């Protein structure tokens, strides 16, 4: 079921943008400290490590997202 408010570290597929959303904290559309996405997204799973580490990612940097064995 698509969701707009998720927990930090939730891996989401944003259908309208054909991309992954990896929320790790409040967004510009959040109310308080929640992770609110601009639109509803399909939840795929969770980030295994500390999601707030994504704050260090800058524009143009490359990150890798992979499915761990046994989680398909």
PDB file of N, CA and C in Angstrom:
ATOM      1  N   UNK A   1       0.838  -1.174   0.000  1.00  0.00           N
ATOM      2  CA  UNK A   1       0.000   0.000   0.000  1.00  0.00           C
ATOM      3  C   UNK A   1       0.890   1.247   0.000  1.00  0.00           C
ATOM      4  N   UNK A   2       0.699   2.156  -0.929  1.00  0.00           N
ATOM      5  CA  UNK A   2       1.526   3.370  -0.993  1.00  0.00           C
ATOM      6  C   UNK A   2       1.379   4.217   0.270  1.00  0.00           C
ATOM      7  N   UNK A   3       2.490   4.815   0.685  1.00  0.00           N
ATOM      8  CA  UNK A   3       2.510   5.657   1.879  1.00  0.00           C
ATOM      9  C   UNK A   3       3.175   6.990   1.571  1.00  0.00           C
ATOM     10  N   UNK A   4       2.784   8.002   2.312  1.00  0.00           N
ATOM     11  CA  UNK A   4       3.415   9.304   2.179  1.00  0.00           C
ATOM     12  C   UNK A   4       4.306   9.601   3.382  1.00  0.00           C
ATOM     13  N   UNK A   5       3.933   9.120   4.567  1.00  0.00           N
ATOM     14  CA  UNK A   5       4.742   9.299   5.769  1.00  0.00           C
ATOM     15  C   UNK A   5       5.328   7.940   6.132  1.00  0.00           C
ATOM     16  N   UNK A   6       6.651   7.870   6.225  1.00  0.00           N
ATOM     17  CA  UNK A   6       7.352   6.616   6.494  1.00  0.00           C
ATOM     18  C   UNK A   6       8.403   6.827   7.590  1.00  0.00           C
ATOM     19  N   UNK A   7       8.953   5.738   8.073  1.00  0.00           N
ATOM     20  CA  UNK A   7      10.034   5.790   9.054  1.00  0.00           C
ATOM     21  C   UNK A   7      11.355   6.119   8.351  1.00  0.00           C
ATOM     22  N   UNK A   8      12.291   6.766   9.049  1.00  0.00           N
ATOM     23  CA  UNK A   8      13.618   6.989   8.452  1.00  0.00           C
ATOM     24  C   UNK A   8      14.225   5.656   8.027  1.00  0.00           C
ATOM     25  N   UNK A   9      14.815   5.624   6.846  1.00  0.00           N
ATOM     26  CA  UNK A   9      15.455   4.416   6.349  1.00  0.00           C
ATOM     27  C   UNK A   9      14.558   3.511   5.540  1.00  0.00           C
ATOM     28  N   UNK A  10      13.329   3.937   5.282  1.00  0.00           N
ATOM     29  CA  UNK A  10      12.431   3.151   4.444  1.00  0.00           C
ATOM     30  C   UNK A  10      12.844   3.338   2.983  1.00  0.00           C
ATOM     31  N   UNK A  11      12.930   2.243   2.244  1.00  0.00           N
ATOM     32  CA  UNK A  11      13.245   2.315   0.815  1.00  0.00           C
ATOM     33  C   UNK A  11      11.919   2.335   0.069  1.00  0.00           C
ATOM     34  N   UNK A  12      11.714   3.396  -0.707  1.00  0.00           N
ATOM     35  CA  UNK A  12      10.444   3.593  -1.405  1.00  0.00           C
ATOM     36  C   UNK A  12      10.678   3.741  -2.905  1.00  0.00           C
ATOM     37  N   UNK A  13       9.681   3.330  -3.694  1.00  0.00           N
ATOM     38  CA  UNK A  13       9.713   3.571  -5.131  1.00  0.00           C
ATOM     39  C   UNK A  13       8.719   4.665  -5.436  1.00  0.00           C
ATOM     40  N   UNK A  14       9.219   5.755  -5.995  1.00  0.00           N
ATOM     41  CA  UNK A  14       8.396   6.906  -6.363  1.00  0.00           C
ATOM     42  C   UNK A  14       7.952   6.701  -7.799  1.00  0.00           C
ATOM     43  N   UNK A  15       6.704   6.282  -7.988  1.00  0.00           N
ATOM     44  CA  UNK A  15       6.164   5.954  -9.306  1.00  0.00           C
ATOM     45  C   UNK A  15       6.179   7.164 -10.234  1.00  0.00           C
ATOM     46  N   UNK A  16       5.762   8.337  -9.742  1.00  0.00           N
ATOM     47  CA  UNK A  16       5.683   9.529 -10.593  1.00  0.00           C
ATOM     48  C   UNK A  16       7.045   9.954 -11.117  1.00  0.00           C
ATOM     49  N   UNK A  17       8.102   9.685 -10.373  1.00  0.00           N
ATOM     50  CA  UNK A  17       9.435  10.082 -10.802  1.00  0.00           C
ATOM     51  C   UNK A  17      10.275   8.918 -11.290  1.00  0.00           C
ATOM     52  N   UNK A  18       9.701   7.706 -11.281  1.00  0.00           N
ATOM     53  CA  UNK A  18      10.423   6.491 -11.661  1.00  0.00           C
ATOM     54  C   UNK A  18      11.789   6.420 -10.990  1.00  0.00           C
ATOM     55  N   UNK A  19      11.793   6.583  -9.672  1.00  0.00           N
ATOM     56  CA  UNK A  19      13.059   6.572  -8.939  1.00  0.00           C
ATOM     57  C   UNK A  19      12.846   6.084  -7.512  1.00  0.00           C
ATOM     58  N   UNK A  20      13.967   5.809  -6.838  1.00  0.00           N
ATOM     59  CA  UNK A  20      13.917   5.428  -5.439  1.00  0.00           C
ATOM     60  C   UNK A  20      13.902   6.664  -4.560  1.00  0.00           C
ATOM     61  N   UNK A  21      13.193   6.582  -3.466  1.00  0.00           N
ATOM     62  CA  UNK A  21      13.224   7.608  -2.431  1.00  0.00           C
ATOM     63  C   UNK A  21      13.800   6.944  -1.194  1.00  0.00           C
ATOM     64  N   UNK A  22      14.817   7.571  -0.607  1.00  0.00           N
ATOM     65  CA  UNK A  22      15.488   7.030   0.572  1.00  0.00           C
ATOM     66  C   UNK A  22      15.423   8.058   1.703  1.00  0.00           C
ATOM     67  N   UNK A  23      14.244   8.277   2.276  1.00  0.00           N
ATOM     68  CA  UNK A  23      14.108   9.295   3.313  1.00  0.00           C
ATOM     69  C   UNK A  23      14.867   8.913   4.580  1.00  0.00           C
ATOM     70  N   UNK A  24      15.544   9.897   5.167  1.00  0.00           N
ATOM     71  CA  UNK A  24      16.327   9.640   6.383  1.00  0.00           C
ATOM     72  C   UNK A  24      16.039  10.653   7.474  1.00  0.00           C
ATOM     73  N   UNK A  25      15.138  11.587   7.199  1.00  0.00           N
ATOM     74  CA  UNK A  25      14.787  12.621   8.165  1.00  0.00           C
ATOM     75  C   UNK A  25      13.716  13.507   7.578  1.00  0.00           C
ATOM     76  N   UNK A  26      13.417  14.616   8.260  1.00  0.00           N
ATOM     77  CA  UNK A  26      12.386  15.520   7.763  1.00  0.00           C
ATOM     78  C   UNK A  26      12.703  16.029   6.353  1.00  0.00           C
ATOM     79  N   UNK A  27      11.652  16.229   5.571  1.00  0.00           N
ATOM     80  CA  UNK A  27      11.765  16.768   4.215  1.00  0.00           C
ATOM     81  C   UNK A  27      11.121  18.150   4.200  1.00  0.00           C
ATOM     82  N   UNK A  28      11.235  18.887   3.110  1.00  0.00           N
ATOM     83  CA  UNK A  28      10.592  20.206   3.057  1.00  0.00           C
ATOM     84  C   UNK A  28       9.071  20.181   3.270  1.00  0.00           C
ATOM     85  N   UNK A  29       8.423  19.040   3.048  1.00  0.00           N
ATOM     86  CA  UNK A  29       6.971  18.956   3.236  1.00  0.00           C
ATOM     87  C   UNK A  29       6.583  18.276   4.553  1.00  0.00           C
ATOM     88  N   UNK A  30       7.563  17.933   5.386  1.00  0.00           N
ATOM     89  CA  UNK A  30       7.288  17.270   6.661  1.00  0.00           C
ATOM     90  C   UNK A  30       6.574  18.195   7.633  1.00  0.00           C
ATOM     91  N   UNK A  31       5.848  17.564   8.533  1.00  0.00           N
ATOM     92  CA  UNK A  31       5.229  18.265   9.658  1.00  0.00           C
ATOM     93  C   UNK A  31       5.968  17.774  10.896  1.00  0.00           C
ATOM     94  N   UNK A  32       6.822  18.617  11.446  1.00  0.00           N
ATOM     95  CA  UNK A  32       7.645  18.202  12.577  1.00  0.00           C
ATOM     96  C   UNK A  32       8.821  17.357  12.117  1.00  0.00           C
ATOM     97  N   UNK A  33       9.108  16.283  12.850  1.00  0.00           N
ATOM     98  CA  UNK A  33      10.278  15.441  12.570  1.00  0.00           C
ATOM     99  C   UNK A  33       9.976  14.246  11.665  1.00  0.00           C
ATOM    100  N   UNK A  34       8.765  14.144  11.139  1.00  0.00           N
ATOM    101  CA  UNK A  34       8.399  12.986  10.321  1.00  0.00           C
ATOM    102  C   UNK A  34       9.130  12.973   8.977  1.00  0.00           C
ATOM    103  N   UNK A  35       9.189  11.798   8.372  1.00  0.00           N
ATOM    104  CA  UNK A  35       9.682  11.639   6.997  1.00  0.00           C
ATOM    105  C   UNK A  35       8.452  11.635   6.099  1.00  0.00           C
ATOM    106  N   UNK A  36       8.114  12.785   5.543  1.00  0.00           N
ATOM    107  CA  UNK A  36       6.954  12.903   4.651  1.00  0.00           C
ATOM    108  C   UNK A  36       7.466  13.110   3.230  1.00  0.00           C
ATOM    109  N   UNK A  37       7.022  12.228   2.337  1.00  0.00           N
ATOM    110  CA  UNK A  37       7.387  12.321   0.929  1.00  0.00           C
ATOM    111  C   UNK A  37       6.418  13.262   0.221  1.00  0.00           C
ATOM    112  N   UNK A  38       6.805  13.793  -0.916  1.00  0.00           N
ATOM    113  CA  UNK A  38       5.962  14.739  -1.653  1.00  0.00           C
ATOM    114  C   UNK A  38       4.650  14.078  -2.081  1.00  0.00           C
ATOM    115  N   UNK A  39       4.723  12.829  -2.506  1.00  0.00           N
ATOM    116  CA  UNK A  39       3.533  12.065  -2.885  1.00  0.00           C
ATOM    117  C   UNK A  39       3.658  10.673  -2.280  1.00  0.00           C
ATOM    118  N   UNK A  40       2.598   9.908  -2.378  1.00  0.00           N
ATOM    119  CA  UNK A  40       2.649   8.529  -1.876  1.00  0.00           C
ATOM    120  C   UNK A  40       3.623   7.704  -2.721  1.00  0.00           C
ATOM    121  N   UNK A  41       4.341   6.823  -2.055  1.00  0.00           N
ATOM    122  CA  UNK A  41       5.306   5.951  -2.716  1.00  0.00           C
ATOM    123  C   UNK A  41       5.080   4.513  -2.257  1.00  0.00           C
ATOM    124  N   UNK A  42       5.506   3.572  -3.086  1.00  0.00           N
ATOM    125  CA  UNK A  42       5.432   2.157  -2.733  1.00  0.00           C
ATOM    126  C   UNK A  42       6.620   1.795  -1.861  1.00  0.00           C
ATOM    127  N   UNK A  43       6.358   1.162  -0.725  1.00  0.00           N
ATOM    128  CA  UNK A  43       7.419   0.761   0.200  1.00  0.00           C
ATOM    129  C   UNK A  43       8.021  -0.555  -0.285  1.00  0.00           C
ATOM    130  N   UNK A  44       9.368  -0.570  -0.431  1.00  0.00           N
ATOM    131  CA  UNK A  44      10.076  -1.757  -0.899  1.00  0.00           C
ATOM    132  C   UNK A  44      10.806  -2.485   0.221  1.00  0.00           C
ATOM    133  N   UNK A  45      11.266  -1.754   1.227  1.00  0.00           N
ATOM    134  CA  UNK A  45      12.035  -2.373   2.299  1.00  0.00           C
ATOM    135  C   UNK A  45      12.646  -1.311   3.191  1.00  0.00           C
ATOM    136  N   UNK A  46      13.765  -1.659   3.825  1.00  0.00           N
ATOM    137  CA  UNK A  46      14.441  -0.724   4.723  1.00  0.00           C
ATOM    138  C   UNK A  46      15.946  -0.741   4.484  1.00  0.00           C
ATOM    139  N   UNK A  47      16.591   0.341   4.879  1.00  0.00           N
ATOM    140  CA  UNK A  47      18.044   0.444   4.816  1.00  0.00           C
ATOM    141  C   UNK A  47      18.601  -0.311   6.010  1.00  0.00           C
ATOM    142  N   UNK A  48      19.586  -1.151   5.774  1.00  0.00           N
ATOM    143  CA  UNK A  48      20.145  -1.968   6.845  1.00  0.00           C
ATOM    144  C   UNK A  48      21.017  -1.143   7.799  1.00  0.00           C
ATOM    145  N   UNK A  49      21.751  -0.182   7.302  1.00  0.00           N
ATOM    146  CA  UNK A  49      22.672   0.619   8.104  1.00  0.00           C
ATOM    147  C   UNK A  49      21.954   1.867   8.620  1.00  0.00           C
ATOM    148  N   UNK A  50      22.666   2.751   9.264  1.00  0.00           N
ATOM    149  CA  UNK A  50      22.109   3.998   9.792  1.00  0.00           C
ATOM    150  C   UNK A  50      21.679   4.912   8.641  1.00  0.00           C
ATOM    151  N   UNK A  51      20.374   5.151   8.461  1.00  0.00           N
ATOM    152  CA  UNK A  51      19.897   5.933   7.318  1.00  0.00           C
ATOM    153  C   UNK A  51      20.366   7.386   7.318  1.00  0.00           C
ATOM    154  N   UNK A  52      20.653   7.949   8.483  1.00  0.00           N
ATOM    155  CA  UNK A  52      21.066   9.359   8.529  1.00  0.00           C
ATOM    156  C   UNK A  52      22.450   9.585   7.915  1.00  0.00           C
ATOM    157  N   UNK A  53      23.165   8.504   7.624  1.00  0.00           N
ATOM    158  CA  UNK A  53      24.446   8.629   6.913  1.00  0.00           C
ATOM    159  C   UNK A  53      24.233   9.201   5.509  1.00  0.00           C
ATOM    160  N   UNK A  54      23.010   9.059   4.979  1.00  0.00           N
ATOM    161  CA  UNK A  54      22.709   9.593   3.649  1.00  0.00           C
ATOM    162  C   UNK A  54      22.814  11.112   3.611  1.00  0.00           C
ATOM    163  N   UNK A  55      22.788  11.754   4.764  1.00  0.00           N
ATOM    164  CA  UNK A  55      22.921  13.211   4.818  1.00  0.00           C
ATOM    165  C   UNK A  55      24.272  13.663   4.261  1.00  0.00           C
ATOM    166  N   UNK A  56      25.263  12.770   4.262  1.00  0.00           N
ATOM    167  CA  UNK A  56      26.600  13.081   3.758  1.00  0.00           C
ATOM    168  C   UNK A  56      26.684  13.031   2.235  1.00  0.00           C
ATOM    169  N   UNK A  57      25.666  12.477   1.575  1.00  0.00           N
ATOM    170  CA  UNK A  57      25.669  12.345   0.115  1.00  0.00           C
ATOM    171  C   UNK A  57      25.409  13.720  -0.498  1.00  0.00           C
ATOM    172  N   UNK A  58      26.283  14.119  -1.396  1.00  0.00           N
ATOM    173  CA  UNK A  58      26.162  15.408  -2.090  1.00  0.00           C
ATOM    174  C   UNK A  58      25.745  15.179  -3.539  1.00  0.00           C
ATOM    175  N   UNK A  59      25.197  16.205  -4.159  1.00  0.00           N
ATOM    176  CA  UNK A  59      24.776  16.120  -5.555  1.00  0.00           C
ATOM    177  C   UNK A  59      25.929  15.658  -6.431  1.00  0.00           C
ATOM    178  N   UNK A  60      25.654  14.702  -7.303  1.00  0.00           N
ATOM    179  CA  UNK A  60      26.658  14.185  -8.228  1.00  0.00           C
ATOM    180  C   UNK A  60      27.400  12.966  -7.706  1.00  0.00           C
ATOM    181  N   UNK A  61      27.300  12.684  -6.399  1.00  0.00           N
ATOM    182  CA  UNK A  61      27.953  11.507  -5.835  1.00  0.00           C
ATOM    183  C   UNK A  61      27.195  10.255  -6.265  1.00  0.00           C
ATOM    184  N   UNK A  62      27.880   9.139  -6.318  1.00  0.00           N
ATOM    185  CA  UNK A  62      27.278   7.868  -6.672  1.00  0.00           C
ATOM    186  C   UNK A  62      27.098   7.038  -5.407  1.00  0.00           C
ATOM    187  N   UNK A  63      25.915   6.467  -5.260  1.00  0.00           N
ATOM    188  CA  UNK A  63      25.692   5.509  -4.179  1.00  0.00           C
ATOM    189  C   UNK A  63      25.199   4.215  -4.810  1.00  0.00           C
ATOM    190  N   UNK A  64      25.325   3.117  -4.077  1.00  0.00           N
ATOM    191  CA  UNK A  64      24.869   1.823  -4.591  1.00  0.00           C
ATOM    192  C   UNK A  64      23.799   1.288  -3.667  1.00  0.00           C
ATOM    193  N   UNK A  65      22.699   0.845  -4.247  1.00  0.00           N
ATOM    194  CA  UNK A  65      21.607   0.207  -3.517  1.00  0.00           C
ATOM    195  C   UNK A  65      21.549  -1.221  -4.006  1.00  0.00           C
ATOM    196  N   UNK A  66      21.572  -2.178  -3.067  1.00  0.00           N
ATOM    197  CA  UNK A  66      21.522  -3.572  -3.493  1.00  0.00           C
ATOM    198  C   UNK A  66      20.586  -4.368  -2.599  1.00  0.00           C
ATOM    199  N   UNK A  67      20.042  -5.402  -3.167  1.00  0.00           N
ATOM    200  CA  UNK A  67      19.168  -6.328  -2.462  1.00  0.00           C
ATOM    201  C   UNK A  67      20.054  -7.383  -1.825  1.00  0.00           C
ATOM    202  N   UNK A  68      19.937  -7.556  -0.520  1.00  0.00           N
ATOM    203  CA  UNK A  68      20.749  -8.552   0.176  1.00  0.00           C
ATOM    204  C   UNK A  68      20.190  -9.947  -0.051  1.00  0.00           C
ATOM    205  N   UNK A  69      21.065 -10.956  -0.122  1.00  0.00           N
ATOM    206  CA  UNK A  69      20.595 -12.335  -0.310  1.00  0.00           C
ATOM    207  C   UNK A  69      19.574 -12.715   0.763  1.00  0.00           C
ATOM    208  N   UNK A  70      18.540 -13.421   0.341  1.00  0.00           N
ATOM    209  CA  UNK A  70      17.516 -13.851   1.276  1.00  0.00           C
ATOM    210  C   UNK A  70      16.422 -12.826   1.518  1.00  0.00           C
ATOM    211  N   UNK A  71      16.503 -11.675   0.853  1.00  0.00           N
ATOM    212  CA  UNK A  71      15.513 -10.631   1.057  1.00  0.00           C
ATOM    213  C   UNK A  71      14.652 -10.406  -0.177  1.00  0.00           C
ATOM    214  N   UNK A  72      14.677 -11.307  -1.110  1.00  0.00           N
ATOM    215  CA  UNK A  72      13.883 -11.145  -2.337  1.00  0.00           C
ATOM    216  C   UNK A  72      12.451 -11.522  -2.103  1.00  0.00           C
TER     217      UNK A  72
END
